[in-house]
């Protein structure tokens, strides 16, 4: 008398039961574990171009961004808080560079005028 009509099914069930019975209980973590979320504090910066030329602004710090500003225009960007090195340039002008610091969870207005 056959217990299973399909020998392959019987073998699969037998092998699976051996694998699970040999694993034993799963370990429980000791103590408590609370994942700490990574909180990124962003700040909003409105950058204004007060000149008659388009400006390209490069920022390097906690983030790296390149921002194009049209003549007499502005852009609002979201940045991580921290210290940034910047360089702004326009066609046939000298590059303006320096450092700018942004606090967390704040709003700034930053103006450029190149000649």
N, C-alpha and C. Protein backbone atom coordinates (compact mmCIF):
# COMPACT_ATOMS: atom_id res chain seq x y z
N UNK A 1 0.84 -1.17 0.00
CA UNK A 1 0.00 0.00 0.00
C UNK A 1 0.89 1.25 0.00
N UNK A 2 0.55 2.21 -0.86
CA UNK A 2 1.33 3.43 -0.98
C UNK A 2 0.70 4.54 -0.15
N UNK A 3 1.53 5.23 0.60
CA UNK A 3 1.03 6.35 1.41
C UNK A 3 0.82 7.57 0.52
N UNK A 4 1.77 7.81 -0.35
CA UNK A 4 1.68 8.95 -1.26
C UNK A 4 1.59 8.43 -2.68
N UNK A 5 0.75 9.06 -3.44
CA UNK A 5 0.64 8.65 -4.84
C UNK A 5 1.76 9.24 -5.68
N UNK A 6 2.43 10.24 -5.15
CA UNK A 6 3.53 10.87 -5.88
C UNK A 6 4.78 10.82 -5.02
N UNK A 7 5.77 10.06 -5.39
CA UNK A 7 6.99 9.93 -4.58
C UNK A 7 7.75 11.25 -4.43
N UNK A 8 7.75 12.10 -5.46
CA UNK A 8 8.47 13.37 -5.39
C UNK A 8 7.85 14.29 -4.35
N UNK A 9 6.53 14.31 -4.26
CA UNK A 9 5.85 15.13 -3.26
C UNK A 9 6.21 14.65 -1.86
N UNK A 10 6.27 13.35 -1.66
CA UNK A 10 6.61 12.80 -0.35
C UNK A 10 8.04 13.17 0.03
N UNK A 11 8.94 13.09 -0.92
CA UNK A 11 10.34 13.44 -0.67
C UNK A 11 10.46 14.92 -0.33
N UNK A 12 9.73 15.78 -1.01
CA UNK A 12 9.78 17.23 -0.76
C UNK A 12 9.27 17.55 0.64
N UNK A 13 8.18 16.93 1.04
CA UNK A 13 7.63 17.17 2.38
C UNK A 13 8.60 16.68 3.44
N UNK A 14 9.20 15.51 3.23
CA UNK A 14 10.14 14.95 4.19
C UNK A 14 11.38 15.84 4.33
N UNK A 15 11.93 16.30 3.20
CA UNK A 15 13.12 17.14 3.23
C UNK A 15 12.83 18.48 3.90
N UNK A 16 11.68 19.06 3.61
CA UNK A 16 11.31 20.34 4.21
C UNK A 16 11.16 20.21 5.72
N UNK A 17 10.54 19.11 6.17
CA UNK A 17 10.37 18.93 7.62
C UNK A 17 11.71 18.75 8.31
N UNK A 18 12.68 18.09 7.66
CA UNK A 18 14.01 17.94 8.25
C UNK A 18 14.72 19.28 8.37
N UNK A 19 14.59 20.11 7.34
CA UNK A 19 15.26 21.42 7.37
C UNK A 19 14.71 22.27 8.50
N UNK A 20 13.39 22.35 8.63
CA UNK A 20 12.81 23.19 9.67
C UNK A 20 13.03 22.63 11.07
N UNK A 21 13.04 21.32 11.22
CA UNK A 21 13.26 20.76 12.55
C UNK A 21 14.70 20.91 13.00
N UNK A 22 15.65 21.01 12.07
CA UNK A 22 17.05 21.16 12.45
C UNK A 22 17.42 22.60 12.77
N UNK A 23 16.57 23.54 12.40
CA UNK A 23 16.88 24.95 12.63
C UNK A 23 16.77 25.34 14.09
N UNK A 24 15.88 24.71 14.80
CA UNK A 24 15.68 25.07 16.20
C UNK A 24 14.92 26.38 16.30
N UNK A 25 14.73 26.88 17.50
CA UNK A 25 13.98 28.13 17.65
C UNK A 25 14.81 29.31 17.17
N UNK A 26 14.13 30.34 16.71
CA UNK A 26 14.82 31.54 16.27
C UNK A 26 15.25 32.33 17.50
N UNK A 27 16.44 32.89 17.48
CA UNK A 27 16.91 33.64 18.65
C UNK A 27 16.09 34.91 18.84
N UNK A 28 15.88 35.27 20.07
CA UNK A 28 15.19 36.52 20.37
C UNK A 28 16.25 37.53 20.79
N UNK A 29 16.10 38.78 20.34
CA UNK A 29 17.11 39.78 20.68
C UNK A 29 17.09 40.09 22.17
N UNK A 30 18.27 40.30 22.72
CA UNK A 30 18.34 40.67 24.13
C UNK A 30 18.22 42.18 24.24
N UNK A 31 17.56 42.64 25.25
CA UNK A 31 17.36 44.08 25.41
C UNK A 31 16.29 44.57 24.44
N UNK A 32 16.26 45.84 24.26
CA UNK A 32 15.29 46.41 23.33
C UNK A 32 16.03 47.11 22.20
N UNK A 33 15.46 47.09 21.06
CA UNK A 33 16.07 47.72 19.88
C UNK A 33 15.06 48.68 19.28
N UNK A 34 15.44 49.90 19.18
CA UNK A 34 14.63 50.91 18.52
C UNK A 34 15.48 51.53 17.43
N UNK A 35 15.09 51.34 16.16
CA UNK A 35 15.90 51.95 15.11
C UNK A 35 15.83 53.46 15.21
N UNK A 36 16.98 54.10 15.06
CA UNK A 36 16.99 55.56 15.12
C UNK A 36 16.87 56.10 13.70
N UNK A 37 15.81 56.85 13.45
CA UNK A 37 15.65 57.40 12.10
C UNK A 37 16.69 58.48 11.85
N UNK A 38 17.16 58.53 10.62
CA UNK A 38 18.10 59.57 10.24
C UNK A 38 17.29 60.80 9.87
N UNK A 39 17.45 61.82 10.65
CA UNK A 39 16.68 63.03 10.44
C UNK A 39 17.55 64.03 9.69
N UNK A 40 17.08 64.46 8.56
CA UNK A 40 17.80 65.47 7.79
C UNK A 40 17.07 66.79 7.97
N UNK A 41 17.74 67.74 8.59
CA UNK A 41 17.13 69.04 8.78
C UNK A 41 17.42 69.88 7.56
N UNK A 42 16.38 70.22 6.84
CA UNK A 42 16.52 71.00 5.61
C UNK A 42 16.19 72.46 5.90
N UNK A 43 16.77 73.31 5.10
CA UNK A 43 16.47 74.72 5.16
C UNK A 43 16.11 75.20 3.76
N UNK A 44 15.25 76.18 3.66
CA UNK A 44 14.87 76.73 2.36
C UNK A 44 15.66 78.00 2.12
N UNK A 45 16.29 78.08 0.95
CA UNK A 45 17.10 79.23 0.59
C UNK A 45 16.56 79.81 -0.71
N UNK A 46 16.16 81.06 -0.68
CA UNK A 46 15.76 81.77 -1.90
C UNK A 46 16.98 82.55 -2.36
N UNK A 47 17.46 82.23 -3.56
CA UNK A 47 18.67 82.86 -4.10
C UNK A 47 18.23 83.82 -5.20
N UNK A 48 18.63 85.07 -5.05
CA UNK A 48 18.23 86.11 -6.01
C UNK A 48 19.42 86.59 -6.81
N UNK A 49 19.17 86.80 -8.09
CA UNK A 49 20.18 87.35 -8.99
C UNK A 49 19.79 88.80 -9.28
N UNK A 50 20.55 89.74 -8.74
CA UNK A 50 20.24 91.17 -8.92
C UNK A 50 20.93 91.78 -10.12
N UNK A 51 21.55 90.97 -10.96
CA UNK A 51 22.28 91.51 -12.11
C UNK A 51 21.52 91.25 -13.41
N UNK A 52 22.05 91.85 -14.48
CA UNK A 52 21.43 91.70 -15.81
C UNK A 52 21.99 90.50 -16.57
N UNK A 53 22.76 89.68 -15.92
CA UNK A 53 23.35 88.50 -16.56
C UNK A 53 22.90 87.24 -15.83
N UNK A 54 22.81 86.13 -16.55
CA UNK A 54 22.53 84.84 -15.92
C UNK A 54 23.74 84.41 -15.10
N UNK A 55 23.48 83.82 -13.96
CA UNK A 55 24.54 83.40 -13.04
C UNK A 55 24.47 81.88 -12.86
N UNK A 56 25.65 81.26 -12.77
CA UNK A 56 25.75 79.86 -12.40
C UNK A 56 26.37 79.83 -11.01
N UNK A 57 25.68 79.20 -10.07
CA UNK A 57 26.13 79.12 -8.68
C UNK A 57 26.42 77.68 -8.33
N UNK A 58 27.60 77.43 -7.81
CA UNK A 58 27.98 76.09 -7.35
C UNK A 58 28.12 76.08 -5.83
N UNK A 59 27.53 75.07 -5.21
CA UNK A 59 27.60 74.91 -3.76
C UNK A 59 28.21 73.56 -3.43
N UNK A 60 29.13 73.54 -2.46
CA UNK A 60 29.71 72.27 -2.01
C UNK A 60 29.80 72.31 -0.49
N UNK A 61 29.19 71.31 0.13
CA UNK A 61 29.18 71.21 1.59
C UNK A 61 28.52 69.89 1.93
N UNK A 62 27.53 69.90 2.83
CA UNK A 62 26.79 68.67 3.11
C UNK A 62 26.13 68.10 1.85
N UNK A 63 25.85 68.96 0.89
CA UNK A 63 25.34 68.57 -0.43
C UNK A 63 26.14 69.33 -1.47
N UNK A 64 26.11 68.84 -2.70
CA UNK A 64 26.71 69.56 -3.82
C UNK A 64 25.60 69.88 -4.80
N UNK A 65 25.47 71.16 -5.13
CA UNK A 65 24.43 71.59 -6.07
C UNK A 65 24.99 72.63 -7.01
N UNK A 66 24.42 72.64 -8.22
CA UNK A 66 24.70 73.67 -9.20
C UNK A 66 23.36 74.28 -9.57
N UNK A 67 23.29 75.60 -9.42
CA UNK A 67 22.02 76.29 -9.61
C UNK A 67 22.20 77.38 -10.66
N UNK A 68 21.33 77.38 -11.65
CA UNK A 68 21.32 78.40 -12.68
C UNK A 68 20.29 79.46 -12.31
N UNK A 69 20.74 80.71 -12.31
CA UNK A 69 19.85 81.82 -11.97
C UNK A 69 19.70 82.74 -13.17
N UNK A 70 18.49 82.93 -13.67
CA UNK A 70 18.31 83.84 -14.80
C UNK A 70 18.53 85.29 -14.36
N UNK A 71 18.81 86.14 -15.32
CA UNK A 71 18.99 87.56 -15.03
C UNK A 71 17.76 88.11 -14.33
N UNK A 72 18.00 88.84 -13.24
CA UNK A 72 16.93 89.43 -12.43
C UNK A 72 15.92 88.41 -11.92
N UNK A 73 16.34 87.16 -11.81
CA UNK A 73 15.44 86.10 -11.36
C UNK A 73 15.85 85.52 -10.02
N UNK A 74 15.10 84.52 -9.59
CA UNK A 74 15.42 83.87 -8.32
C UNK A 74 15.00 82.41 -8.37
N UNK A 75 15.57 81.62 -7.47
CA UNK A 75 15.23 80.20 -7.30
C UNK A 75 15.19 79.93 -5.80
N UNK A 76 14.30 79.02 -5.41
CA UNK A 76 14.26 78.57 -4.03
C UNK A 76 14.68 77.10 -4.02
N UNK A 77 15.68 76.81 -3.19
CA UNK A 77 16.20 75.44 -3.10
C UNK A 77 16.15 74.97 -1.65
N UNK A 78 16.09 73.66 -1.49
CA UNK A 78 16.12 73.03 -0.17
C UNK A 78 17.51 72.45 0.03
N UNK A 79 18.16 72.84 1.12
CA UNK A 79 19.52 72.39 1.40
C UNK A 79 19.60 71.79 2.80
N UNK A 80 20.52 70.87 2.97
CA UNK A 80 20.83 70.36 4.31
C UNK A 80 21.57 71.46 5.06
N UNK A 81 21.36 71.54 6.35
CA UNK A 81 22.04 72.56 7.13
C UNK A 81 23.54 72.27 7.18
N UNK A 82 24.32 73.35 7.33
CA UNK A 82 25.76 73.20 7.42
C UNK A 82 26.50 74.30 6.69
N UNK A 83 27.81 74.14 6.60
CA UNK A 83 28.68 75.12 5.97
C UNK A 83 28.92 74.73 4.52
N UNK A 84 28.77 75.69 3.62
CA UNK A 84 28.96 75.47 2.18
C UNK A 84 30.02 76.41 1.65
N UNK A 85 30.82 75.89 0.73
CA UNK A 85 31.70 76.73 -0.06
C UNK A 85 30.95 77.03 -1.34
N UNK A 86 30.97 78.28 -1.78
CA UNK A 86 30.21 78.63 -2.98
C UNK A 86 31.09 79.38 -3.98
N UNK A 87 30.69 79.32 -5.23
CA UNK A 87 31.31 80.09 -6.31
C UNK A 87 30.20 80.47 -7.27
N UNK A 88 30.14 81.76 -7.61
CA UNK A 88 29.13 82.26 -8.55
C UNK A 88 29.85 82.96 -9.69
N UNK A 89 29.39 82.68 -10.90
CA UNK A 89 30.02 83.29 -12.05
C UNK A 89 28.99 83.58 -13.13
N UNK A 90 29.32 84.55 -13.97
CA UNK A 90 28.52 84.90 -15.13
C UNK A 90 29.48 85.18 -16.28
N UNK A 91 28.96 85.21 -17.47
CA UNK A 91 29.78 85.42 -18.66
C UNK A 91 30.49 86.78 -18.57
N UNK A 92 31.81 86.78 -18.84
CA UNK A 92 32.66 87.98 -18.84
C UNK A 92 32.69 88.70 -17.50
N UNK A 93 32.65 87.95 -16.40
CA UNK A 93 32.75 88.55 -15.07
C UNK A 93 33.74 87.75 -14.23
N UNK A 94 34.14 88.34 -13.11
CA UNK A 94 34.99 87.63 -12.15
C UNK A 94 34.11 86.71 -11.30
N UNK A 95 34.70 85.62 -10.86
CA UNK A 95 33.99 84.67 -10.00
C UNK A 95 33.94 85.21 -8.58
N UNK A 96 32.78 85.12 -7.98
CA UNK A 96 32.59 85.48 -6.58
C UNK A 96 32.58 84.17 -5.79
N UNK A 97 33.40 84.08 -4.75
CA UNK A 97 33.43 82.84 -3.96
C UNK A 97 33.54 83.15 -2.48
N UNK A 98 33.22 82.17 -1.69
CA UNK A 98 33.30 82.34 -0.24
C UNK A 98 32.64 81.18 0.46
N UNK A 99 32.26 81.40 1.70
CA UNK A 99 31.61 80.39 2.52
C UNK A 99 30.30 80.95 3.07
N UNK A 100 29.32 80.09 3.15
CA UNK A 100 28.01 80.47 3.68
C UNK A 100 27.50 79.34 4.55
N UNK A 101 26.99 79.68 5.72
CA UNK A 101 26.49 78.69 6.66
C UNK A 101 24.97 78.81 6.76
N UNK A 102 24.30 77.66 6.77
CA UNK A 102 22.85 77.63 6.89
C UNK A 102 22.47 76.81 8.11
N UNK A 103 21.64 77.39 8.97
CA UNK A 103 21.14 76.68 10.14
C UNK A 103 20.04 75.72 9.74
N UNK A 104 19.72 74.82 10.62
CA UNK A 104 18.70 73.83 10.30
C UNK A 104 17.30 74.40 10.50
N UNK A 105 16.41 73.89 9.68
CA UNK A 105 14.99 74.22 9.79
C UNK A 105 14.74 75.73 9.73
N UNK A 106 15.39 76.41 8.78
CA UNK A 106 15.28 77.87 8.65
C UNK A 106 14.97 78.27 7.23
N UNK A 107 14.76 79.56 7.03
CA UNK A 107 14.55 80.13 5.69
C UNK A 107 15.53 81.29 5.51
N UNK A 108 16.14 81.35 4.33
CA UNK A 108 17.12 82.40 4.03
C UNK A 108 16.80 83.03 2.69
N UNK A 109 17.22 84.28 2.53
CA UNK A 109 17.23 84.95 1.24
C UNK A 109 18.67 85.38 1.00
N UNK A 110 19.22 84.99 -0.16
CA UNK A 110 20.62 85.23 -0.47
C UNK A 110 20.67 85.91 -1.82
N UNK A 111 21.31 87.08 -1.91
CA UNK A 111 21.32 87.84 -3.16
C UNK A 111 22.73 87.92 -3.73
N UNK A 112 22.79 87.89 -5.07
CA UNK A 112 24.04 88.02 -5.81
C UNK A 112 23.91 89.13 -6.84
N UNK A 113 25.01 89.83 -7.04
CA UNK A 113 25.10 90.82 -8.09
C UNK A 113 26.50 90.74 -8.67
N UNK A 114 26.61 90.33 -9.93
CA UNK A 114 27.93 90.23 -10.57
C UNK A 114 28.08 91.34 -11.59
N UNK A 115 29.32 91.82 -11.75
CA UNK A 115 29.61 92.89 -12.72
C UNK A 115 30.68 92.47 -13.67
